[in-house]
Amino acid sequence: MPINYPVLMPVWLVIVGVVALIAAAAFILRIFLVTRRDTARTVGDIPMAASERSQWVRRVDAAAARYRSGELDLRGLHLELASALRGFATARSGEDIVSATVLEILDMADTTGPRSILERLRRVRANRRPLDTNPLGHVGELLAVWEQPSFDRDPDAAADAAIGEAKEVVTRW
């Protein structure tokens, strides 16, 4: 009886296997790259018509008028201004921040300050004014500043400052 030596695998089968492995690795890499979180958020690229912008200025003015008439206290004014700025920032940036927390807003913003959100908040609260030049970061920091002064000694000064800051955001951004 003759001895039959083992038959080796053909070369073309090895080449097909290597190509299949490379294609699978490329497919998995593409999935990770396409579905990863977008960290390059450009804020403020959505154009806004003057009539739409004036709608937000009117909301700020209405909140100011309600405060001056005694209908709102300082806390109520800050809540009204925060609502107006959240709506404006949502319309302006395309990001849904109406129900986002301050930390989430600051996480969305590409900051010009410290990368650590908690460090940014600590500095903002210590200085009692926003420090970020990025519009969305500025709004987030402004909301953080407005959380505390409901118990200020001079509520009228805090109200005037808040109204001025809100108008500045709505007219500049």
N, C-alpha and C. Protein backbone atom coordinates (compact mmCIF):
# COMPACT_ATOMS: atom_id res chain seq x y z
N MET A 1 0.83 -1.16 0.00
CA MET A 1 0.00 0.00 0.00
C MET A 1 0.89 1.24 0.00
N PRO A 2 0.62 2.15 -0.94
CA PRO A 2 1.47 3.35 -1.01
C PRO A 2 1.10 4.37 0.08
N ILE A 3 2.08 5.14 0.52
CA ILE A 3 1.86 6.17 1.54
C ILE A 3 1.46 7.47 0.83
N ASN A 4 0.37 8.01 1.29
CA ASN A 4 -0.10 9.31 0.76
C ASN A 4 0.32 10.41 1.72
N TYR A 5 1.11 11.30 1.21
CA TYR A 5 1.55 12.42 2.03
C TYR A 5 0.42 13.45 2.18
N PRO A 6 0.40 14.21 3.31
CA PRO A 6 -0.69 15.19 3.49
C PRO A 6 -0.67 16.26 2.40
N VAL A 7 -1.85 16.67 2.03
CA VAL A 7 -1.99 17.70 1.02
C VAL A 7 -1.95 19.05 1.74
N LEU A 8 -1.09 19.93 1.30
CA LEU A 8 -0.97 21.25 1.91
C LEU A 8 -2.10 22.15 1.44
N MET A 9 -2.37 23.13 2.28
CA MET A 9 -3.42 24.09 1.96
C MET A 9 -2.95 24.94 0.78
N PRO A 10 -3.85 25.22 -0.16
CA PRO A 10 -3.43 26.03 -1.30
C PRO A 10 -3.11 27.48 -0.86
N VAL A 11 -2.23 28.13 -1.54
CA VAL A 11 -1.80 29.49 -1.22
C VAL A 11 -2.95 30.48 -1.34
N TRP A 12 -3.81 30.26 -2.30
CA TRP A 12 -4.92 31.21 -2.48
C TRP A 12 -5.83 31.22 -1.26
N LEU A 13 -5.95 30.13 -0.53
CA LEU A 13 -6.79 30.08 0.66
C LEU A 13 -6.17 30.90 1.79
N VAL A 14 -4.87 30.90 1.91
CA VAL A 14 -4.17 31.72 2.91
C VAL A 14 -4.38 33.20 2.58
N ILE A 15 -4.28 33.54 1.32
CA ILE A 15 -4.46 34.94 0.91
C ILE A 15 -5.89 35.39 1.19
N VAL A 16 -6.87 34.57 0.91
CA VAL A 16 -8.27 34.91 1.19
C VAL A 16 -8.48 35.11 2.70
N GLY A 17 -7.87 34.26 3.51
CA GLY A 17 -7.99 34.39 4.96
C GLY A 17 -7.39 35.69 5.48
N VAL A 18 -6.21 36.05 4.99
CA VAL A 18 -5.57 37.30 5.41
C VAL A 18 -6.39 38.51 4.97
N VAL A 19 -6.90 38.49 3.76
CA VAL A 19 -7.74 39.59 3.27
C VAL A 19 -9.02 39.70 4.11
N ALA A 20 -9.61 38.57 4.47
CA ALA A 20 -10.82 38.59 5.31
C ALA A 20 -10.52 39.18 6.68
N LEU A 21 -9.40 38.82 7.28
CA LEU A 21 -9.01 39.38 8.58
C LEU A 21 -8.78 40.89 8.50
N ILE A 22 -8.14 41.34 7.46
CA ILE A 22 -7.90 42.78 7.28
C ILE A 22 -9.23 43.51 7.07
N ALA A 23 -10.12 42.93 6.28
CA ALA A 23 -11.43 43.56 6.05
C ALA A 23 -12.24 43.62 7.34
N ALA A 24 -12.21 42.58 8.16
CA ALA A 24 -12.93 42.59 9.44
C ALA A 24 -12.35 43.64 10.39
N ALA A 25 -11.04 43.75 10.45
CA ALA A 25 -10.40 44.75 11.32
C ALA A 25 -10.75 46.17 10.84
N ALA A 26 -10.74 46.38 9.53
CA ALA A 26 -11.10 47.70 9.00
C ALA A 26 -12.56 48.03 9.29
N PHE A 27 -13.44 47.04 9.19
CA PHE A 27 -14.86 47.25 9.47
C PHE A 27 -15.06 47.63 10.95
N ILE A 28 -14.43 46.93 11.85
CA ILE A 28 -14.55 47.22 13.28
C ILE A 28 -13.96 48.59 13.60
N LEU A 29 -12.82 48.93 13.02
CA LEU A 29 -12.22 50.24 13.23
C LEU A 29 -13.13 51.35 12.71
N ARG A 30 -13.74 51.13 11.57
CA ARG A 30 -14.67 52.12 11.01
C ARG A 30 -15.87 52.32 11.93
N ILE A 31 -16.40 51.25 12.48
CA ILE A 31 -17.52 51.36 13.42
C ILE A 31 -17.14 52.21 14.61
N PHE A 32 -15.97 51.99 15.18
CA PHE A 32 -15.54 52.78 16.34
C PHE A 32 -15.34 54.25 15.98
N LEU A 33 -14.79 54.52 14.82
CA LEU A 33 -14.54 55.90 14.43
C LEU A 33 -15.81 56.65 14.07
N VAL A 34 -16.76 55.97 13.44
CA VAL A 34 -17.99 56.63 13.01
C VAL A 34 -18.94 56.86 14.18
N THR A 35 -18.99 55.94 15.10
CA THR A 35 -19.96 56.04 16.18
C THR A 35 -19.42 56.68 17.45
N ARG A 36 -18.18 57.10 17.48
CA ARG A 36 -17.66 57.71 18.70
C ARG A 36 -18.28 59.09 18.90
N ARG A 37 -18.24 59.58 20.12
CA ARG A 37 -18.85 60.85 20.46
C ARG A 37 -18.16 62.00 19.74
N ASP A 38 -18.95 62.91 19.23
CA ASP A 38 -18.40 64.07 18.54
C ASP A 38 -17.92 65.07 19.57
N THR A 39 -16.61 65.26 19.64
CA THR A 39 -16.06 66.20 20.61
C THR A 39 -15.74 67.54 19.96
N ALA A 40 -15.90 67.65 18.67
CA ALA A 40 -15.60 68.90 17.98
C ALA A 40 -16.90 69.64 17.72
N ARG A 41 -17.53 70.11 18.75
CA ARG A 41 -18.80 70.80 18.59
C ARG A 41 -18.53 72.27 18.28
N THR A 42 -18.95 72.69 17.13
CA THR A 42 -18.82 74.10 16.80
C THR A 42 -20.14 74.76 17.12
N VAL A 43 -20.10 75.69 18.01
CA VAL A 43 -21.31 76.34 18.50
C VAL A 43 -21.40 77.72 17.88
N GLY A 44 -22.59 78.09 17.48
CA GLY A 44 -22.80 79.43 16.97
C GLY A 44 -22.77 79.52 15.47
N ASP A 45 -22.75 78.39 14.79
CA ASP A 45 -22.71 78.42 13.33
C ASP A 45 -24.10 78.56 12.72
N ILE A 46 -25.13 78.37 13.52
CA ILE A 46 -26.48 78.45 13.00
C ILE A 46 -26.89 79.92 12.92
N PRO A 47 -27.15 80.44 11.73
CA PRO A 47 -27.51 81.86 11.63
C PRO A 47 -28.86 82.14 12.28
N MET A 48 -29.00 83.35 12.79
CA MET A 48 -30.25 83.73 13.44
C MET A 48 -30.72 85.07 12.88
N ALA A 49 -31.96 85.09 12.44
CA ALA A 49 -32.54 86.31 11.89
C ALA A 49 -32.75 87.34 13.00
N ALA A 50 -32.73 88.60 12.62
CA ALA A 50 -32.91 89.67 13.60
C ALA A 50 -34.27 89.58 14.29
N SER A 51 -35.30 89.18 13.55
CA SER A 51 -36.62 89.07 14.17
C SER A 51 -36.65 87.96 15.21
N GLU A 52 -35.96 86.88 14.94
CA GLU A 52 -35.89 85.78 15.91
C GLU A 52 -35.08 86.20 17.14
N ARG A 53 -34.00 86.92 16.90
CA ARG A 53 -33.17 87.40 18.01
C ARG A 53 -33.96 88.38 18.88
N SER A 54 -34.76 89.22 18.26
CA SER A 54 -35.54 90.19 19.03
C SER A 54 -36.59 89.51 19.91
N GLN A 55 -37.04 88.33 19.50
CA GLN A 55 -37.97 87.56 20.33
C GLN A 55 -37.32 87.23 21.66
N TRP A 56 -36.03 86.89 21.66
CA TRP A 56 -35.34 86.54 22.90
C TRP A 56 -35.05 87.79 23.73
N VAL A 57 -34.77 88.90 23.06
CA VAL A 57 -34.58 90.16 23.79
C VAL A 57 -35.88 90.55 24.48
N ARG A 58 -37.02 90.36 23.80
CA ARG A 58 -38.32 90.65 24.42
C ARG A 58 -38.58 89.78 25.64
N ARG A 59 -38.17 88.52 25.59
CA ARG A 59 -38.34 87.65 26.76
C ARG A 59 -37.52 88.14 27.94
N VAL A 60 -36.29 88.59 27.68
CA VAL A 60 -35.45 89.14 28.75
C VAL A 60 -36.08 90.42 29.29
N ASP A 61 -36.55 91.30 28.39
CA ASP A 61 -37.19 92.55 28.82
C ASP A 61 -38.47 92.27 29.61
N ALA A 62 -39.23 91.27 29.22
CA ALA A 62 -40.47 90.93 29.94
C ALA A 62 -40.15 90.45 31.35
N ALA A 63 -39.10 89.66 31.49
CA ALA A 63 -38.70 89.19 32.82
C ALA A 63 -38.24 90.37 33.67
N ALA A 64 -37.50 91.30 33.07
CA ALA A 64 -37.04 92.49 33.79
C ALA A 64 -38.23 93.34 34.23
N ALA A 65 -39.21 93.51 33.35
CA ALA A 65 -40.39 94.31 33.70
C ALA A 65 -41.18 93.65 34.83
N ARG A 66 -41.30 92.33 34.79
CA ARG A 66 -42.01 91.63 35.87
C ARG A 66 -41.27 91.76 37.19
N TYR A 67 -39.94 91.80 37.15
CA TYR A 67 -39.18 91.98 38.40
C TYR A 67 -39.38 93.39 38.94
N ARG A 68 -39.28 94.37 38.05
CA ARG A 68 -39.40 95.77 38.49
C ARG A 68 -40.80 96.10 39.01
N SER A 69 -41.81 95.39 38.49
CA SER A 69 -43.17 95.64 38.97
C SER A 69 -43.46 94.91 40.28
N GLY A 70 -42.51 94.09 40.73
CA GLY A 70 -42.69 93.37 41.98
C GLY A 70 -43.37 92.03 41.83
N GLU A 71 -43.64 91.65 40.61
CA GLU A 71 -44.30 90.37 40.35
C GLU A 71 -43.36 89.19 40.58
N LEU A 72 -42.05 89.43 40.38
CA LEU A 72 -41.03 88.39 40.57
C LEU A 72 -40.05 88.84 41.65
N ASP A 73 -39.55 87.88 42.42
CA ASP A 73 -38.44 88.18 43.31
C ASP A 73 -37.15 87.86 42.56
N LEU A 74 -36.00 88.01 43.22
CA LEU A 74 -34.73 87.79 42.54
C LEU A 74 -34.60 86.36 42.04
N ARG A 75 -35.03 85.41 42.83
CA ARG A 75 -34.96 84.00 42.43
C ARG A 75 -35.83 83.76 41.20
N GLY A 76 -37.04 84.32 41.20
CA GLY A 76 -37.93 84.17 40.05
C GLY A 76 -37.34 84.81 38.80
N LEU A 77 -36.70 85.97 38.98
CA LEU A 77 -36.05 86.63 37.84
C LEU A 77 -34.96 85.75 37.27
N HIS A 78 -34.13 85.18 38.14
CA HIS A 78 -33.06 84.31 37.65
C HIS A 78 -33.62 83.09 36.92
N LEU A 79 -34.71 82.55 37.41
CA LEU A 79 -35.32 81.40 36.73
C LEU A 79 -35.88 81.79 35.36
N GLU A 80 -36.50 82.97 35.29
CA GLU A 80 -37.04 83.45 33.99
C GLU A 80 -35.89 83.71 33.00
N LEU A 81 -34.84 84.37 33.48
CA LEU A 81 -33.70 84.65 32.60
C LEU A 81 -33.00 83.36 32.17
N ALA A 82 -32.88 82.42 33.10
CA ALA A 82 -32.26 81.14 32.76
C ALA A 82 -33.08 80.41 31.70
N SER A 83 -34.39 80.46 31.83
CA SER A 83 -35.25 79.82 30.83
C SER A 83 -35.08 80.47 29.46
N ALA A 84 -35.02 81.80 29.45
CA ALA A 84 -34.84 82.52 28.18
C ALA A 84 -33.48 82.19 27.57
N LEU A 85 -32.42 82.19 28.38
CA LEU A 85 -31.09 81.90 27.84
C LEU A 85 -30.96 80.46 27.38
N ARG A 86 -31.59 79.54 28.09
CA ARG A 86 -31.55 78.14 27.65
C ARG A 86 -32.24 77.98 26.30
N GLY A 87 -33.38 78.63 26.13
CA GLY A 87 -34.08 78.57 24.85
C GLY A 87 -33.27 79.22 23.74
N PHE A 88 -32.69 80.36 24.04
CA PHE A 88 -31.87 81.06 23.05
C PHE A 88 -30.66 80.23 22.67
N ALA A 89 -29.97 79.68 23.65
CA ALA A 89 -28.77 78.89 23.37
C ALA A 89 -29.11 77.62 22.59
N THR A 90 -30.27 77.04 22.86
CA THR A 90 -30.71 75.88 22.09
C THR A 90 -30.95 76.27 20.63
N ALA A 91 -31.63 77.39 20.43
CA ALA A 91 -31.90 77.85 19.06
C ALA A 91 -30.61 78.25 18.35
N ARG A 92 -29.69 78.81 19.07
CA ARG A 92 -28.46 79.32 18.46
C ARG A 92 -27.45 78.22 18.19
N SER A 93 -27.33 77.26 19.10
CA SER A 93 -26.27 76.27 18.97
C SER A 93 -26.72 74.98 18.29
N GLY A 94 -28.01 74.69 18.34
CA GLY A 94 -28.47 73.42 17.80
C GLY A 94 -28.38 72.30 18.82
N GLU A 95 -27.83 72.57 19.97
CA GLU A 95 -27.75 71.59 21.07
C GLU A 95 -28.97 71.76 21.96
N ASP A 96 -29.57 70.67 22.40
CA ASP A 96 -30.74 70.75 23.27
C ASP A 96 -30.27 70.94 24.71
N ILE A 97 -30.29 72.18 25.18
CA ILE A 97 -29.85 72.45 26.55
C ILE A 97 -30.98 72.94 27.43
N VAL A 98 -32.21 72.84 26.95
CA VAL A 98 -33.35 73.31 27.73
C VAL A 98 -33.43 72.58 29.07
N SER A 99 -33.16 71.30 29.07
CA SER A 99 -33.23 70.54 30.32
C SER A 99 -31.87 70.03 30.77
N ALA A 100 -30.81 70.52 30.16
CA ALA A 100 -29.46 70.07 30.54
C ALA A 100 -29.02 70.75 31.83
N THR A 101 -28.22 70.05 32.59
CA THR A 101 -27.66 70.64 33.81
C THR A 101 -26.50 71.55 33.42
N VAL A 102 -26.06 72.35 34.37
CA VAL A 102 -24.92 73.24 34.12
C VAL A 102 -23.69 72.41 33.74
N LEU A 103 -23.48 71.31 34.42
CA LEU A 103 -22.32 70.45 34.12
C LEU A 103 -22.40 69.90 32.70
N GLU A 104 -23.59 69.53 32.25
CA GLU A 104 -23.76 69.01 30.89
C GLU A 104 -23.51 70.11 29.86
N ILE A 105 -23.97 71.31 30.15
CA ILE A 105 -23.75 72.43 29.22
C ILE A 105 -22.26 72.73 29.11
N LEU A 106 -21.59 72.76 30.25
CA LEU A 106 -20.15 73.03 30.23
C LEU A 106 -19.39 71.91 29.55
N ASP A 107 -19.88 70.69 29.65
CA ASP A 107 -19.25 69.56 28.97
C ASP A 107 -19.42 69.68 27.45
N MET A 108 -20.57 70.22 27.00
CA MET A 108 -20.81 70.41 25.57
C MET A 108 -19.92 71.50 24.98
N ALA A 109 -19.63 72.51 25.78
CA ALA A 109 -18.93 73.68 25.27
C ALA A 109 -17.44 73.40 25.12
N ASP A 110 -16.88 73.93 24.07
CA ASP A 110 -15.43 73.87 23.87
C ASP A 110 -14.85 75.08 24.59
N THR A 111 -14.34 74.85 25.77
CA THR A 111 -13.97 75.94 26.66
C THR A 111 -12.67 76.62 26.27
N THR A 112 -12.52 77.85 26.72
CA THR A 112 -11.26 78.55 26.59
C THR A 112 -10.56 78.60 27.93
N GLY A 113 -11.16 77.99 28.94
CA GLY A 113 -10.59 77.99 30.29
C GLY A 113 -10.04 76.62 30.64
N PRO A 114 -10.04 76.30 31.94
CA PRO A 114 -9.54 75.00 32.38
C PRO A 114 -10.38 73.86 31.80
N ARG A 115 -9.75 72.75 31.47
CA ARG A 115 -10.47 71.61 30.90
C ARG A 115 -11.37 70.93 31.92
N SER A 116 -11.00 71.00 33.19
CA SER A 116 -11.81 70.36 34.23
C SER A 116 -13.06 71.20 34.48
N ILE A 117 -14.21 70.57 34.35
CA ILE A 117 -15.47 71.29 34.52
C ILE A 117 -15.62 71.76 35.97
N LEU A 118 -15.25 70.91 36.90
CA LEU A 118 -15.39 71.28 38.31
C LEU A 118 -14.47 72.44 38.68
N GLU A 119 -13.27 72.47 38.08
CA GLU A 119 -12.36 73.60 38.33
C GLU A 119 -12.93 74.88 37.73
N ARG A 120 -13.52 74.78 36.55
CA ARG A 120 -14.16 75.95 35.93
C ARG A 120 -15.28 76.47 36.83
N LEU A 121 -16.12 75.56 37.32
CA LEU A 121 -17.22 75.99 38.18
C LEU A 121 -16.71 76.63 39.47
N ARG A 122 -15.65 76.07 40.03
CA ARG A 122 -15.09 76.64 41.25
C ARG A 122 -14.61 78.07 41.01
N ARG A 123 -13.92 78.29 39.90
CA ARG A 123 -13.42 79.64 39.57
C ARG A 123 -14.58 80.61 39.30
N VAL A 124 -15.57 80.13 38.57
CA VAL A 124 -16.71 80.98 38.23
C VAL A 124 -17.46 81.40 39.49
N ARG A 125 -17.71 80.45 40.37
CA ARG A 125 -18.44 80.77 41.60
C ARG A 125 -17.62 81.65 42.53
N ALA A 126 -16.30 81.50 42.52
CA ALA A 126 -15.45 82.35 43.36
C ALA A 126 -15.44 83.79 42.83
N ASN A 127 -15.41 83.95 41.50
CA ASN A 127 -15.38 85.29 40.90
C ASN A 127 -16.77 85.89 40.72
N ARG A 128 -17.82 85.04 40.82
CA ARG A 128 -19.21 85.46 40.68
C ARG A 128 -19.50 86.10 39.32
N ARG A 129 -18.78 85.63 38.30
CA ARG A 129 -19.03 86.08 36.93
C ARG A 129 -18.49 85.03 35.96
N PRO A 130 -19.08 84.92 34.77
CA PRO A 130 -18.60 83.95 33.78
C PRO A 130 -17.20 84.33 33.28
N LEU A 131 -16.39 83.33 33.01
CA LEU A 131 -15.02 83.56 32.56
C LEU A 131 -14.78 83.09 31.13
N ASP A 132 -15.64 82.24 30.62
CA ASP A 132 -15.45 81.62 29.31
C ASP A 132 -15.82 82.57 28.19
N THR A 133 -15.03 82.57 27.12
CA THR A 133 -15.37 83.39 25.95
C THR A 133 -16.15 82.58 24.93
N ASN A 134 -16.18 81.27 25.05
CA ASN A 134 -17.02 80.44 24.20
C ASN A 134 -18.47 80.71 24.55
N PRO A 135 -19.33 81.02 23.58
CA PRO A 135 -20.71 81.41 23.91
C PRO A 135 -21.49 80.39 24.73
N LEU A 136 -21.42 79.12 24.36
CA LEU A 136 -22.17 78.12 25.11
C LEU A 136 -21.58 77.93 26.50
N GLY A 137 -20.27 77.97 26.61
CA GLY A 137 -19.63 77.89 27.92
C GLY A 137 -19.98 79.10 28.78
N HIS A 138 -20.08 80.27 28.15
CA HIS A 138 -20.46 81.49 28.86
C HIS A 138 -21.87 81.36 29.42
N VAL A 139 -22.78 80.81 28.63
CA VAL A 139 -24.16 80.62 29.09
C VAL A 139 -24.19 79.65 30.27
N GLY A 140 -23.47 78.54 30.16
CA GLY A 140 -23.43 77.57 31.24
C GLY A 140 -22.88 78.16 32.52
N GLU A 141 -21.81 78.94 32.39
CA GLU A 141 -21.22 79.57 33.57
C GLU A 141 -22.15 80.64 34.14
N LEU A 142 -22.85 81.36 33.28
CA LEU A 142 -23.80 82.37 33.75
C LEU A 142 -24.93 81.71 34.53
N LEU A 143 -25.41 80.57 34.06
CA LEU A 143 -26.44 79.84 34.80
C LEU A 143 -25.92 79.40 36.17
N ALA A 144 -24.66 79.00 36.22
CA ALA A 144 -24.06 78.61 37.51
C ALA A 144 -23.96 79.80 38.46
N VAL A 145 -23.64 80.96 37.92
CA VAL A 145 -23.54 82.17 38.74
C VAL A 145 -24.91 82.54 39.30
N TRP A 146 -25.95 82.35 38.52
CA TRP A 146 -27.30 82.74 38.94
C TRP A 146 -27.91 81.80 39.97
N GLU A 147 -27.29 80.65 40.20
CA GLU A 147 -27.86 79.71 41.16
C GLU A 147 -27.81 80.24 42.59
N GLN A 148 -26.79 81.01 42.95
CA GLN A 148 -26.60 81.42 44.33
C GLN A 148 -27.24 82.75 44.72
N PRO A 149 -27.23 83.81 43.92
CA PRO A 149 -27.55 85.13 44.44
C PRO A 149 -29.01 85.38 44.80
N SER A 150 -29.77 84.35 44.99
CA SER A 150 -31.14 84.56 45.44
C SER A 150 -31.17 85.12 46.85
N PHE A 151 -30.06 85.04 47.55
CA PHE A 151 -29.99 85.52 48.93
C PHE A 151 -29.02 86.69 49.07
N ASP A 152 -28.78 87.43 47.99
CA ASP A 152 -27.86 88.56 48.04
C ASP A 152 -28.39 89.67 48.94
N ARG A 153 -27.44 90.48 49.43
CA ARG A 153 -27.81 91.61 50.28
C ARG A 153 -28.53 92.68 49.47
N ASP A 154 -28.07 92.89 48.23
CA ASP A 154 -28.67 93.92 47.38
C ASP A 154 -29.30 93.25 46.16
N PRO A 155 -30.56 92.81 46.27
CA PRO A 155 -31.15 92.07 45.16
C PRO A 155 -31.33 92.91 43.90
N ASP A 156 -31.53 94.22 44.05
CA ASP A 156 -31.70 95.06 42.86
C ASP A 156 -30.42 95.12 42.03
N ALA A 157 -29.28 95.21 42.69
CA ALA A 157 -28.00 95.23 41.97
C ALA A 157 -27.76 93.89 41.28
N ALA A 158 -28.06 92.80 41.98
CA ALA A 158 -27.90 91.47 41.37
C ALA A 158 -28.86 91.30 40.20
N ALA A 159 -30.07 91.83 40.32
CA ALA A 159 -31.05 91.74 39.24
C ALA A 159 -30.59 92.55 38.03
N ASP A 160 -30.12 93.77 38.26
CA ASP A 160 -29.64 94.60 37.14
C ASP A 160 -28.47 93.94 36.43
N ALA A 161 -27.57 93.35 37.22
CA ALA A 161 -26.41 92.66 36.62
C ALA A 161 -26.87 91.47 35.80
N ALA A 162 -27.81 90.69 36.32
CA ALA A 162 -28.31 89.51 35.61
C ALA A 162 -29.02 89.91 34.32
N ILE A 163 -29.82 90.96 34.37
CA ILE A 163 -30.54 91.42 33.17
C ILE A 163 -29.54 91.90 32.12
N GLY A 164 -28.55 92.66 32.55
CA GLY A 164 -27.52 93.13 31.62
C GLY A 164 -26.74 92.00 30.98
N GLU A 165 -26.38 91.00 31.78
CA GLU A 165 -25.63 89.86 31.24
C GLU A 165 -26.49 89.05 30.27
N ALA A 166 -27.76 88.86 30.58
CA ALA A 166 -28.64 88.11 29.69
C ALA A 166 -28.82 88.85 28.36
N LYS A 167 -29.00 90.18 28.42
CA LYS A 167 -29.15 90.95 27.18
C LYS A 167 -27.88 90.90 26.35
N GLU A 168 -26.73 90.93 27.02
CA GLU A 168 -25.47 90.87 26.30
C GLU A 168 -25.32 89.56 25.54
N VAL A 169 -25.68 88.45 26.18
CA VAL A 169 -25.59 87.15 25.51
C VAL A 169 -26.52 87.12 24.31
N VAL A 170 -27.75 87.58 24.47
CA VAL A 170 -28.74 87.49 23.39
C VAL A 170 -28.38 88.42 22.24
N THR A 171 -27.82 89.57 22.51
CA THR A 171 -27.50 90.50 21.42
C THR A 171 -26.15 90.23 20.78
N ARG A 172 -25.19 89.69 21.50
CA ARG A 172 -23.86 89.47 20.94
C ARG A 172 -23.70 88.16 20.21
N TRP A 173 -24.25 87.08 20.74
CA TRP A 173 -24.01 85.75 20.18
C TRP A 173 -24.82 85.58 18.95
